[in-house]
Amino acid sequence: MLINTPDSAQAGEPSDAAIIAARPGVLHQPRVTLCGSAGFLFEAEGEMCLPTQERIWKLTRLLSDNAFVVDAQPGMNNLLVITDGSLTAGDDLPAYLLSQWRQLTPGWQAQQTLEIPVVYGGEYGCDLHDLAAARGLTPHEVAKIHASAEYVVFAPGTTPGFGYLFGLDPRLATPRRDVPVTRKANATLLIGGMQTNITPPAQAGRAESTVTGWHAIGHAPVAPVPFDLQRQPPELVSPGDRIRYLLTDVIA
């Protein structure tokens, strides 16, 4: 195994896995925790931001070269590593992850920028008015602000699709609902907290609606299918790719 890493910590220094939170959910130092019998969760320090996420993608790619890694899935400011269970007591994967993390620098070459025309409001964007009012904006202002940004695919989503997108203007950040609601799920544009997302377009066999705590603000009438097993690769976008929404209309 290549992950035998000698302990280089000096006496009196804090552990690499120490958690010193500036506030809940934010780490001063990275940590690795065990998930089940063969999984490890790496969590990065600091706020969620593009330079940190670029290092997460590099760490993911680095792990893919190791035979003992079954899967490595980047999340938002974290990375889940699933091994084949062959690691022994002498194979210190947490130390290896932390050591590699220190050596990685930000930087990533995006493969593509995907442009998706969007209609804000209407039956698919039924939360646009309420979100605009909560943010002290008009529906047209929300649409203009949202469509003016370039979003980065930070991590795969909970279902195969466009993934979690980073780059939402802070003026549009809106907490997720305490009580989820039912919304149409046909290339529906959503906002939840500091993130935005778009659901896959309607397909045969897929539910026409979804239960969500996010806020529906629009719809992409001609959105491409983001995941198709008949396509190689099946994913339309990968972490690091960009997505731009083209404002075509606002139904206010």
Protein backbone atom coordinates (compact mmCIF):
# COMPACT_ATOMS: atom_id res chain seq x y z
CA MET A 1 0.00 0.00 0.00
CA LEU A 2 1.19 3.54 -0.69
CA ILE A 3 -0.62 5.11 2.25
CA ASN A 4 1.79 4.18 5.04
CA THR A 5 2.54 7.71 6.27
CA PRO A 6 4.96 8.25 9.17
CA ASP A 7 3.79 10.43 12.01
CA SER A 8 5.49 13.77 11.45
CA ALA A 9 3.69 15.69 14.19
CA GLN A 10 5.91 17.35 16.76
CA ALA A 11 5.30 17.04 20.49
CA GLY A 12 2.78 19.58 21.70
CA GLU A 13 1.26 20.22 18.24
CA PRO A 14 -2.52 19.77 17.87
CA SER A 15 -3.79 16.67 16.07
CA ASP A 16 -4.52 16.98 12.34
CA ALA A 17 -8.07 15.87 13.07
CA ALA A 18 -8.64 18.49 15.77
CA ILE A 19 -11.87 20.41 15.39
CA ILE A 20 -11.76 24.06 16.38
CA ALA A 21 -14.99 25.54 15.09
CA ALA A 22 -15.25 29.26 14.48
CA ARG A 23 -18.98 28.59 14.42
CA PRO A 24 -21.08 25.44 13.97
CA GLY A 25 -20.19 23.54 10.81
CA VAL A 26 -16.94 25.39 10.04
CA LEU A 27 -13.62 23.68 10.79
CA HIS A 28 -10.28 25.35 11.48
CA GLN A 29 -8.48 22.17 10.44
CA PRO A 30 -9.45 19.32 8.11
CA ARG A 31 -10.61 16.04 9.61
CA VAL A 32 -11.22 12.44 8.56
CA THR A 33 -13.88 10.26 10.18
CA LEU A 34 -14.72 6.60 9.69
CA CYS A 35 -17.99 5.81 7.90
CA GLY A 36 -18.97 2.19 8.40
CA SER A 37 -16.30 -0.47 8.08
CA ALA A 38 -14.70 0.64 4.81
CA GLY A 39 -15.64 4.28 4.28
CA PHE A 40 -13.88 7.51 5.22
CA LEU A 41 -15.25 11.06 5.15
CA PHE A 42 -12.72 13.83 4.56
CA GLU A 43 -13.95 17.30 5.54
CA ALA A 44 -12.07 20.46 4.53
CA GLU A 45 -11.46 23.41 6.77
CA GLY A 46 -12.91 26.88 6.27
CA GLU A 47 -15.88 28.26 4.39
CA MET A 48 -17.22 26.63 1.24
CA CYS A 49 -15.45 28.33 -1.67
CA LEU A 50 -14.11 27.56 -5.14
CA PRO A 51 -10.38 27.24 -4.23
CA THR A 52 -11.19 24.67 -1.54
CA GLN A 53 -13.49 22.76 -3.86
CA GLU A 54 -10.83 22.67 -6.57
CA ARG A 55 -8.54 20.94 -4.08
CA ILE A 56 -11.37 18.49 -3.29
CA TRP A 57 -11.61 17.59 -7.00
CA LYS A 58 -7.83 17.10 -7.20
CA LEU A 59 -7.89 14.83 -4.15
CA THR A 60 -10.72 12.84 -5.77
CA ARG A 61 -8.69 12.37 -8.95
CA LEU A 62 -5.61 11.41 -6.96
CA LEU A 63 -7.50 8.67 -5.10
CA SER A 64 -8.86 7.19 -8.32
CA ASP A 65 -5.35 5.89 -9.07
CA ASN A 66 -5.38 3.63 -5.99
CA ALA A 67 -6.56 0.05 -6.44
CA PHE A 68 -8.05 -0.15 -2.94
CA VAL A 69 -10.48 2.72 -3.64
CA VAL A 70 -13.88 1.48 -4.81
CA ASP A 71 -15.39 4.96 -5.12
CA ALA A 72 -14.55 8.56 -4.26
CA GLN A 73 -17.45 11.03 -4.32
CA PRO A 74 -16.84 14.76 -3.82
CA GLY A 75 -19.41 16.66 -1.78
CA MET A 76 -19.63 20.28 -0.73
CA ASN A 77 -16.37 20.90 1.15
CA ASN A 78 -15.94 17.16 1.71
CA LEU A 79 -15.04 13.86 0.05
CA LEU A 80 -16.42 10.39 0.76
CA VAL A 81 -13.96 7.57 0.09
CA ILE A 82 -15.17 3.96 -0.10
CA THR A 83 -12.44 1.32 0.06
CA ASP A 84 -12.51 -2.39 -0.78
CA GLY A 85 -11.85 -3.35 2.83
CA SER A 86 -8.30 -4.54 2.15
CA LEU A 87 -6.62 -1.86 4.27
CA THR A 88 -4.74 -3.17 7.29
CA ALA A 89 -3.96 -1.61 10.64
CA GLY A 90 -0.68 -0.33 9.20
CA ASP A 91 -2.39 1.51 6.34
CA ASP A 92 -3.20 4.94 7.73
CA LEU A 93 -5.62 6.34 5.16
CA PRO A 94 -6.64 9.35 7.30
CA ALA A 95 -2.99 10.41 7.61
CA TYR A 96 -2.50 9.90 3.87
CA LEU A 97 -5.52 12.06 3.03
CA LEU A 98 -4.43 14.86 5.35
CA SER A 99 -0.86 14.72 4.03
CA GLN A 100 -1.98 14.92 0.40
CA TRP A 101 -4.42 17.72 1.23
CA ARG A 102 -1.59 19.94 2.49
CA GLN A 103 0.27 19.55 -0.80
CA LEU A 104 -2.64 20.32 -3.11
CA THR A 105 -3.09 23.83 -4.51
CA PRO A 106 -6.21 25.44 -6.03
CA GLY A 107 -6.72 25.43 -9.78
CA TRP A 108 -8.88 23.49 -12.21
CA GLN A 109 -9.51 23.58 -15.96
CA ALA A 110 -13.24 23.63 -16.69
CA GLN A 111 -14.20 21.35 -19.58
CA GLN A 112 -17.27 23.25 -20.73
CA THR A 113 -19.78 26.02 -20.10
CA LEU A 114 -23.38 24.90 -20.58
CA GLU A 115 -25.96 27.59 -21.43
CA ILE A 116 -29.60 26.86 -20.57
CA PRO A 117 -32.47 29.23 -21.54
CA VAL A 118 -34.80 29.84 -18.60
CA VAL A 119 -38.29 31.27 -18.05
CA TYR A 120 -38.64 32.69 -14.55
CA GLY A 121 -41.95 32.47 -12.69
CA GLY A 122 -45.04 30.73 -14.06
CA GLU A 123 -46.36 27.35 -12.90
CA TYR A 124 -42.87 25.92 -12.49
CA GLY A 125 -41.57 28.99 -10.67
CA CYS A 126 -44.47 29.47 -8.30
CA ASP A 127 -42.21 30.62 -5.44
CA LEU A 128 -40.66 33.50 -7.37
CA HIS A 129 -42.98 36.19 -5.97
CA ASP A 130 -42.58 35.10 -2.35
CA LEU A 131 -38.80 34.79 -2.66
CA ALA A 132 -38.58 38.22 -4.29
CA ALA A 133 -40.67 39.78 -1.52
CA ALA A 134 -38.56 38.11 1.18
CA ARG A 135 -35.40 39.52 -0.38
CA GLY A 136 -36.85 43.01 -0.94
CA LEU A 137 -36.70 42.63 -4.73
CA THR A 138 -39.10 42.44 -7.63
CA PRO A 139 -39.52 39.18 -9.60
CA HIS A 140 -37.77 40.79 -12.57
CA GLU A 141 -34.83 41.83 -10.37
CA VAL A 142 -34.51 38.28 -9.01
CA ALA A 143 -34.49 36.89 -12.56
CA LYS A 144 -31.90 39.41 -13.74
CA ILE A 145 -29.59 38.81 -10.76
CA HIS A 146 -29.91 35.03 -11.00
CA ALA A 147 -29.22 34.95 -14.74
CA SER A 148 -26.21 37.29 -14.47
CA ALA A 149 -24.03 34.77 -12.61
CA GLU A 150 -21.92 31.89 -13.85
CA TYR A 151 -22.44 28.79 -11.72
CA VAL A 152 -19.87 26.10 -11.02
CA VAL A 153 -20.80 22.42 -10.69
CA PHE A 154 -19.39 21.79 -7.22
CA ALA A 155 -20.49 18.19 -6.65
CA PRO A 156 -22.87 15.50 -7.94
CA GLY A 157 -26.44 15.83 -6.71
CA THR A 158 -28.50 13.32 -4.76
CA THR A 159 -29.84 12.01 -8.09
CA PRO A 160 -27.98 11.88 -11.44
CA GLY A 161 -28.28 15.34 -12.95
CA PHE A 162 -26.77 18.78 -13.09
CA GLY A 163 -25.28 18.55 -9.60
CA TYR A 164 -24.96 21.13 -6.84
CA LEU A 165 -24.15 24.58 -8.19
CA PHE A 166 -22.09 27.29 -6.50
CA GLY A 167 -22.10 30.99 -7.34
CA LEU A 168 -25.49 32.26 -6.21
CA ASP A 169 -25.57 36.00 -5.58
CA PRO A 170 -25.89 36.57 -1.78
CA ARG A 171 -28.85 38.87 -2.45
CA LEU A 172 -30.86 35.79 -3.49
CA ALA A 173 -29.80 33.48 -0.66
CA THR A 174 -32.99 32.17 0.96
CA PRO A 175 -33.17 29.58 3.77
CA ARG A 176 -34.74 26.27 2.90
CA ARG A 177 -38.25 25.66 4.15
CA ASP A 178 -38.79 24.11 7.55
CA VAL A 179 -41.69 22.14 6.05
CA PRO A 180 -41.11 20.71 2.52
CA VAL A 181 -43.68 21.31 -0.22
CA THR A 182 -44.57 19.58 -3.49
CA ARG A 183 -43.28 21.24 -6.66
CA LYS A 184 -43.18 20.32 -10.35
CA ALA A 185 -39.93 18.58 -11.31
CA ASN A 186 -39.36 19.29 -14.98
CA ALA A 187 -36.12 21.22 -15.46
CA THR A 188 -37.30 23.33 -12.53
CA LEU A 189 -34.95 26.04 -11.27
CA LEU A 190 -34.55 26.09 -7.49
CA ILE A 191 -32.90 28.13 -4.73
CA GLY A 192 -32.04 26.72 -1.30
CA GLY A 193 -29.80 28.60 1.09
CA MET A 194 -26.69 29.77 -0.75
CA GLN A 195 -27.17 27.24 -3.54
CA THR A 196 -29.16 26.98 -6.73
CA ASN A 197 -30.04 23.88 -8.70
CA ILE A 198 -32.08 22.64 -11.63
CA THR A 199 -33.96 19.35 -11.71
CA PRO A 200 -33.64 17.00 -14.72
CA PRO A 201 -36.26 17.47 -17.47
CA ALA A 202 -39.33 15.25 -17.48
CA GLN A 203 -38.84 11.73 -18.82
CA ALA A 204 -41.01 8.63 -19.08
CA GLY A 205 -41.06 6.77 -15.79
CA ARG A 206 -39.92 9.77 -13.73
CA ALA A 207 -42.24 11.47 -11.24
CA GLU A 208 -43.71 14.76 -12.45
CA SER A 209 -43.33 16.38 -9.04
CA THR A 210 -41.00 16.27 -6.05
CA VAL A 211 -41.13 17.10 -2.36
CA THR A 212 -38.56 19.77 -1.59
CA GLY A 213 -37.58 22.44 0.88
CA TRP A 214 -36.10 24.54 -1.93
CA HIS A 215 -37.86 27.45 -3.63
CA ALA A 216 -38.97 27.03 -7.27
CA ILE A 217 -38.26 30.17 -9.30
CA GLY A 218 -38.39 29.08 -12.93
CA HIS A 219 -38.21 26.48 -15.67
CA ALA A 220 -35.94 25.55 -18.58
CA PRO A 221 -38.22 24.54 -21.48
CA VAL A 222 -35.40 23.04 -23.58
CA ALA A 223 -33.00 21.74 -20.95
CA PRO A 224 -30.76 18.86 -22.07
CA VAL A 225 -30.94 15.47 -20.34
CA PRO A 226 -28.09 15.58 -17.79
CA PHE A 227 -27.67 11.82 -17.34
CA ASP A 228 -28.14 9.17 -20.03
CA LEU A 229 -26.75 5.63 -19.83
CA GLN A 230 -26.79 5.44 -23.64
CA ARG A 231 -24.26 8.28 -23.78
CA GLN A 232 -20.52 8.07 -23.09
CA PRO A 233 -19.85 9.40 -20.60
CA PRO A 234 -23.42 9.32 -19.26
CA GLU A 235 -22.99 12.56 -17.28
CA LEU A 236 -23.52 15.76 -19.24
CA VAL A 237 -21.53 17.87 -16.78
CA SER A 238 -18.68 17.15 -14.38
CA PRO A 239 -17.39 18.94 -11.28
CA GLY A 240 -15.73 22.17 -12.32
CA ASP A 241 -17.94 22.72 -15.37
CA ARG A 242 -19.88 25.98 -15.65
CA ILE A 243 -23.59 26.60 -16.19
CA ARG A 244 -25.16 29.86 -17.29
CA TYR A 245 -28.90 30.55 -17.31
CA LEU A 246 -30.13 32.69 -20.16
CA LEU A 247 -33.08 34.87 -19.18
CA THR A 248 -35.69 34.49 -21.93
CA ASP A 249 -38.84 35.62 -20.09
CA VAL A 250 -40.32 36.49 -16.69
CA ILE A 251 -43.91 35.50 -15.98
CA ALA A 252 -44.76 37.86 -13.14
